[in-house]
Amino acid sequence: MKKFYHIFLNAVPILLMIGLIPFVSNDYTLTLLYIAIIIVGFALKWMPNDVLIFTFGFVAMIVSEYLFIGTGVETFNRNTLFGLMPLWLPFLWGYGFVAIKRSVEIL
């Protein structure tokens, strides 16, 4: 049960970020909120390689989303990043990678 609790705590910032999407219509404001959540998440719990994992997730998902959009698999109504996808999406993915890494380490 203790592992589940710690995994849940790692997921809270992601759940908060996803929960904000329908309430914040401005992508730039939402991106700033995401950056603030990420900074708080890193400040509360710092683990080795977090920035590396975040950066990998951030870049890898920009490339992946670009490929998905280019093939028509995905489309976005909010397209403030390169005119293709929401600006906040790579930040969400990047921190999602961090949360997954931390959860795997708990398991």
N, C-alpha and C. Protein backbone atom coordinates (compact mmCIF):
# COMPACT_ATOMS: atom_id res chain seq x y z
N MET A 1 0.83 -1.20 0.00
CA MET A 1 0.00 0.00 0.00
C MET A 1 0.87 1.26 0.00
N LYS A 2 2.02 1.17 0.66
CA LYS A 2 2.92 2.31 0.72
C LYS A 2 3.45 2.66 -0.68
N LYS A 3 3.73 1.65 -1.50
CA LYS A 3 4.20 1.89 -2.87
C LYS A 3 3.11 2.59 -3.68
N PHE A 4 1.87 2.13 -3.54
CA PHE A 4 0.77 2.75 -4.26
C PHE A 4 0.65 4.23 -3.88
N TYR A 5 0.78 4.52 -2.61
CA TYR A 5 0.70 5.90 -2.11
C TYR A 5 1.78 6.77 -2.75
N HIS A 6 3.01 6.27 -2.79
CA HIS A 6 4.11 7.04 -3.36
C HIS A 6 3.94 7.21 -4.87
N ILE A 7 3.46 6.19 -5.54
CA ILE A 7 3.20 6.30 -6.98
C ILE A 7 2.10 7.33 -7.22
N PHE A 8 1.05 7.29 -6.41
CA PHE A 8 -0.03 8.27 -6.53
C PHE A 8 0.50 9.70 -6.34
N LEU A 9 1.36 9.90 -5.34
CA LEU A 9 1.93 11.24 -5.12
C LEU A 9 2.74 11.70 -6.33
N ASN A 10 3.41 10.78 -7.01
CA ASN A 10 4.15 11.15 -8.22
C ASN A 10 3.20 11.52 -9.36
N ALA A 11 2.00 10.96 -9.34
CA ALA A 11 1.03 11.22 -10.40
C ALA A 11 0.22 12.50 -10.17
N VAL A 12 0.20 13.01 -8.96
CA VAL A 12 -0.61 14.19 -8.64
C VAL A 12 -0.31 15.39 -9.55
N PRO A 13 0.97 15.74 -9.78
CA PRO A 13 1.22 16.88 -10.69
C PRO A 13 0.67 16.64 -12.10
N ILE A 14 0.77 15.42 -12.59
CA ILE A 14 0.26 15.09 -13.92
C ILE A 14 -1.26 15.22 -13.94
N LEU A 15 -1.91 14.70 -12.91
CA LEU A 15 -3.37 14.81 -12.83
C LEU A 15 -3.81 16.27 -12.76
N LEU A 16 -3.07 17.07 -12.00
CA LEU A 16 -3.36 18.51 -11.92
C LEU A 16 -3.19 19.18 -13.28
N MET A 17 -2.12 18.84 -13.97
CA MET A 17 -1.87 19.43 -15.28
C MET A 17 -2.98 19.08 -16.26
N ILE A 18 -3.36 17.81 -16.29
CA ILE A 18 -4.44 17.39 -17.19
C ILE A 18 -5.76 18.06 -16.79
N GLY A 19 -5.99 18.17 -15.49
CA GLY A 19 -7.22 18.79 -15.01
C GLY A 19 -7.34 20.26 -15.37
N LEU A 20 -6.23 20.93 -15.56
CA LEU A 20 -6.25 22.36 -15.90
C LEU A 20 -6.62 22.62 -17.36
N ILE A 21 -6.43 21.65 -18.23
CA ILE A 21 -6.61 21.87 -19.67
C ILE A 21 -7.97 22.47 -20.03
N PRO A 22 -9.09 21.91 -19.54
CA PRO A 22 -10.37 22.50 -19.96
C PRO A 22 -10.67 23.87 -19.33
N PHE A 23 -9.94 24.22 -18.28
CA PHE A 23 -10.24 25.46 -17.57
C PHE A 23 -9.36 26.64 -17.99
N VAL A 24 -8.23 26.36 -18.63
CA VAL A 24 -7.32 27.43 -19.05
C VAL A 24 -7.24 27.38 -20.58
N SER A 25 -7.90 28.31 -21.22
CA SER A 25 -7.98 28.27 -22.69
C SER A 25 -6.78 28.91 -23.37
N ASN A 26 -6.03 29.72 -22.66
CA ASN A 26 -4.86 30.36 -23.24
C ASN A 26 -3.65 29.43 -23.09
N ASP A 27 -3.09 28.99 -24.21
CA ASP A 27 -1.98 28.04 -24.18
C ASP A 27 -0.74 28.60 -23.50
N TYR A 28 -0.51 29.88 -23.61
CA TYR A 28 0.67 30.49 -23.00
C TYR A 28 0.52 30.52 -21.48
N THR A 29 -0.66 30.85 -21.01
CA THR A 29 -0.92 30.82 -19.56
C THR A 29 -0.81 29.40 -19.03
N LEU A 30 -1.39 28.46 -19.76
CA LEU A 30 -1.33 27.06 -19.33
C LEU A 30 0.11 26.57 -19.30
N THR A 31 0.91 26.95 -20.27
CA THR A 31 2.32 26.57 -20.29
C THR A 31 3.05 27.12 -19.07
N LEU A 32 2.77 28.37 -18.72
CA LEU A 32 3.40 28.96 -17.53
C LEU A 32 2.97 28.24 -16.26
N LEU A 33 1.71 27.86 -16.18
CA LEU A 33 1.23 27.08 -15.03
C LEU A 33 1.94 25.73 -14.98
N TYR A 34 2.11 25.09 -16.14
CA TYR A 34 2.80 23.80 -16.19
C TYR A 34 4.25 23.94 -15.73
N ILE A 35 4.92 25.01 -16.17
CA ILE A 35 6.30 25.24 -15.76
C ILE A 35 6.38 25.43 -14.25
N ALA A 36 5.42 26.16 -13.69
CA ALA A 36 5.38 26.36 -12.24
C ALA A 36 5.17 25.03 -11.51
N ILE A 37 4.26 24.20 -12.01
CA ILE A 37 4.00 22.89 -11.40
C ILE A 37 5.25 22.02 -11.47
N ILE A 38 5.93 22.05 -12.60
CA ILE A 38 7.15 21.26 -12.77
C ILE A 38 8.24 21.72 -11.81
N ILE A 39 8.42 23.03 -11.68
CA ILE A 39 9.42 23.56 -10.75
C ILE A 39 9.11 23.14 -9.32
N VAL A 40 7.84 23.24 -8.94
CA VAL A 40 7.45 22.81 -7.59
C VAL A 40 7.68 21.31 -7.43
N GLY A 41 7.32 20.53 -8.45
CA GLY A 41 7.54 19.08 -8.39
C GLY A 41 9.00 18.73 -8.21
N PHE A 42 9.88 19.42 -8.93
CA PHE A 42 11.31 19.17 -8.79
C PHE A 42 11.83 19.67 -7.44
N ALA A 43 11.28 20.77 -6.95
CA ALA A 43 11.72 21.31 -5.66
C ALA A 43 11.32 20.41 -4.50
N LEU A 44 10.13 19.81 -4.60
CA LEU A 44 9.66 18.94 -3.52
C LEU A 44 10.38 17.60 -3.50
N LYS A 45 10.73 17.13 -4.68
CA LYS A 45 11.41 15.83 -4.75
C LYS A 45 12.39 15.86 -5.91
N TRP A 46 13.64 15.90 -5.59
CA TRP A 46 14.69 15.92 -6.60
C TRP A 46 15.35 14.56 -6.63
N MET A 47 15.40 13.97 -7.81
CA MET A 47 16.06 12.68 -7.97
C MET A 47 17.09 12.79 -9.08
N PRO A 48 18.14 11.98 -9.00
CA PRO A 48 19.15 12.01 -10.06
C PRO A 48 18.53 11.75 -11.44
N ASN A 49 19.02 12.45 -12.41
CA ASN A 49 18.62 12.30 -13.81
C ASN A 49 17.22 12.82 -14.13
N ASP A 50 16.56 13.49 -13.22
CA ASP A 50 15.22 14.01 -13.50
C ASP A 50 15.22 14.97 -14.69
N VAL A 51 16.19 15.87 -14.73
CA VAL A 51 16.24 16.84 -15.82
C VAL A 51 16.54 16.13 -17.15
N LEU A 52 17.41 15.15 -17.11
CA LEU A 52 17.73 14.37 -18.32
C LEU A 52 16.48 13.66 -18.83
N ILE A 53 15.74 13.01 -17.95
CA ILE A 53 14.52 12.30 -18.33
C ILE A 53 13.48 13.29 -18.84
N PHE A 54 13.33 14.43 -18.16
CA PHE A 54 12.38 15.45 -18.59
C PHE A 54 12.73 15.93 -20.00
N THR A 55 14.00 16.24 -20.22
CA THR A 55 14.44 16.73 -21.53
C THR A 55 14.23 15.69 -22.61
N PHE A 56 14.54 14.44 -22.30
CA PHE A 56 14.32 13.36 -23.27
C PHE A 56 12.84 13.27 -23.64
N GLY A 57 11.97 13.25 -22.62
CA GLY A 57 10.53 13.18 -22.88
C GLY A 57 10.02 14.37 -23.65
N PHE A 58 10.51 15.55 -23.30
CA PHE A 58 10.12 16.79 -23.97
C PHE A 58 10.45 16.73 -25.46
N VAL A 59 11.69 16.38 -25.78
CA VAL A 59 12.14 16.36 -27.17
C VAL A 59 11.53 15.18 -27.92
N ALA A 60 11.57 14.01 -27.31
CA ALA A 60 11.05 12.80 -27.98
C ALA A 60 9.57 12.96 -28.33
N MET A 61 8.81 13.57 -27.47
CA MET A 61 7.39 13.69 -27.74
C MET A 61 7.09 14.81 -28.74
N ILE A 62 7.93 15.82 -28.83
CA ILE A 62 7.74 16.81 -29.90
C ILE A 62 7.92 16.11 -31.24
N VAL A 63 8.98 15.31 -31.34
CA VAL A 63 9.24 14.58 -32.58
C VAL A 63 8.11 13.59 -32.88
N SER A 64 7.70 12.84 -31.86
CA SER A 64 6.63 11.85 -32.05
C SER A 64 5.31 12.51 -32.45
N GLU A 65 4.95 13.56 -31.75
CA GLU A 65 3.70 14.25 -32.08
C GLU A 65 3.77 14.84 -33.48
N TYR A 66 4.93 15.37 -33.86
CA TYR A 66 5.11 15.91 -35.20
C TYR A 66 4.86 14.82 -36.25
N LEU A 67 5.40 13.62 -36.00
CA LEU A 67 5.18 12.51 -36.93
C LEU A 67 3.71 12.09 -36.96
N PHE A 68 3.08 12.03 -35.81
CA PHE A 68 1.66 11.66 -35.76
C PHE A 68 0.80 12.68 -36.50
N ILE A 69 1.10 13.95 -36.30
CA ILE A 69 0.34 15.01 -36.97
C ILE A 69 0.59 14.96 -38.47
N GLY A 70 1.85 14.74 -38.84
CA GLY A 70 2.21 14.69 -40.25
C GLY A 70 1.56 13.56 -41.01
N THR A 71 1.29 12.46 -40.32
CA THR A 71 0.65 11.31 -40.97
C THR A 71 -0.87 11.36 -40.85
N GLY A 72 -1.39 12.37 -40.14
CA GLY A 72 -2.83 12.51 -40.00
C GLY A 72 -3.43 11.68 -38.88
N VAL A 73 -2.59 11.03 -38.08
CA VAL A 73 -3.07 10.23 -36.96
C VAL A 73 -3.68 11.10 -35.88
N GLU A 74 -3.10 12.27 -35.68
CA GLU A 74 -3.58 13.21 -34.67
C GLU A 74 -3.79 14.58 -35.28
N THR A 75 -4.73 15.30 -34.72
CA THR A 75 -4.91 16.72 -35.03
C THR A 75 -5.21 17.45 -33.73
N PHE A 76 -4.88 18.71 -33.69
CA PHE A 76 -5.13 19.52 -32.50
C PHE A 76 -5.85 20.79 -32.90
N ASN A 77 -6.81 21.20 -32.09
CA ASN A 77 -7.48 22.47 -32.28
C ASN A 77 -6.61 23.61 -31.75
N ARG A 78 -5.84 23.30 -30.73
CA ARG A 78 -4.94 24.28 -30.13
C ARG A 78 -3.55 23.99 -30.70
N ASN A 79 -3.03 24.89 -31.53
CA ASN A 79 -1.78 24.59 -32.21
C ASN A 79 -0.80 25.77 -32.13
N THR A 80 -0.35 26.07 -30.92
CA THR A 80 0.53 27.22 -30.70
C THR A 80 2.01 26.87 -30.82
N LEU A 81 2.35 25.60 -30.94
CA LEU A 81 3.75 25.19 -31.10
C LEU A 81 3.96 24.75 -32.54
N PHE A 82 4.72 25.51 -33.29
CA PHE A 82 4.99 25.25 -34.70
C PHE A 82 3.73 25.22 -35.55
N GLY A 83 2.63 25.76 -35.04
CA GLY A 83 1.36 25.72 -35.76
C GLY A 83 0.78 24.32 -35.86
N LEU A 84 1.26 23.42 -35.01
CA LEU A 84 0.85 22.01 -35.11
C LEU A 84 0.21 21.44 -33.85
N MET A 85 0.70 21.84 -32.69
CA MET A 85 0.26 21.24 -31.43
C MET A 85 0.26 22.30 -30.34
N PRO A 86 -0.38 22.01 -29.21
CA PRO A 86 -0.37 22.97 -28.11
C PRO A 86 1.03 23.15 -27.53
N LEU A 87 1.36 24.36 -27.18
CA LEU A 87 2.67 24.68 -26.60
C LEU A 87 2.92 23.91 -25.31
N TRP A 88 1.87 23.70 -24.53
CA TRP A 88 2.01 23.07 -23.23
C TRP A 88 2.20 21.55 -23.31
N LEU A 89 1.90 20.93 -24.43
CA LEU A 89 1.92 19.47 -24.53
C LEU A 89 3.30 18.86 -24.26
N PRO A 90 4.39 19.37 -24.81
CA PRO A 90 5.69 18.78 -24.50
C PRO A 90 6.07 18.87 -23.02
N PHE A 91 5.61 19.92 -22.34
CA PHE A 91 5.88 20.04 -20.91
C PHE A 91 5.14 18.95 -20.14
N LEU A 92 3.90 18.70 -20.54
CA LEU A 92 3.12 17.62 -19.92
C LEU A 92 3.79 16.27 -20.16
N TRP A 93 4.18 16.00 -21.38
CA TRP A 93 4.86 14.75 -21.71
C TRP A 93 6.19 14.64 -20.96
N GLY A 94 6.95 15.71 -20.94
CA GLY A 94 8.26 15.67 -20.28
C GLY A 94 8.14 15.31 -18.82
N TYR A 95 7.20 15.96 -18.12
CA TYR A 95 7.03 15.64 -16.70
C TYR A 95 6.38 14.27 -16.53
N GLY A 96 5.58 13.86 -17.50
CA GLY A 96 5.02 12.51 -17.47
C GLY A 96 6.12 11.46 -17.49
N PHE A 97 7.15 11.69 -18.29
CA PHE A 97 8.29 10.77 -18.31
C PHE A 97 8.96 10.71 -16.94
N VAL A 98 9.10 11.86 -16.29
CA VAL A 98 9.70 11.90 -14.96
C VAL A 98 8.85 11.10 -13.97
N ALA A 99 7.54 11.29 -14.01
CA ALA A 99 6.65 10.57 -13.10
C ALA A 99 6.72 9.06 -13.35
N ILE A 100 6.81 8.66 -14.59
CA ILE A 100 6.93 7.23 -14.91
C ILE A 100 8.25 6.68 -14.38
N LYS A 101 9.34 7.41 -14.60
CA LYS A 101 10.65 6.98 -14.10
C LYS A 101 10.62 6.80 -12.58
N ARG A 102 10.05 7.77 -11.90
CA ARG A 102 9.99 7.69 -10.44
C ARG A 102 9.12 6.52 -9.99
N SER A 103 8.03 6.29 -10.68
CA SER A 103 7.15 5.18 -10.32
C SER A 103 7.81 3.83 -10.54
N VAL A 104 8.55 3.70 -11.62
CA VAL A 104 9.27 2.45 -11.89
C VAL A 104 10.31 2.22 -10.80
N GLU A 105 10.98 3.27 -10.37
CA GLU A 105 11.97 3.11 -9.30
C GLU A 105 11.32 2.69 -7.99
N ILE A 106 10.10 3.13 -7.74
CA ILE A 106 9.38 2.73 -6.53
C ILE A 106 9.03 1.25 -6.60
N LEU A 107 8.61 0.83 -7.77
CA LEU A 107 8.24 -0.59 -7.94
C LEU A 107 9.47 -1.49 -7.86
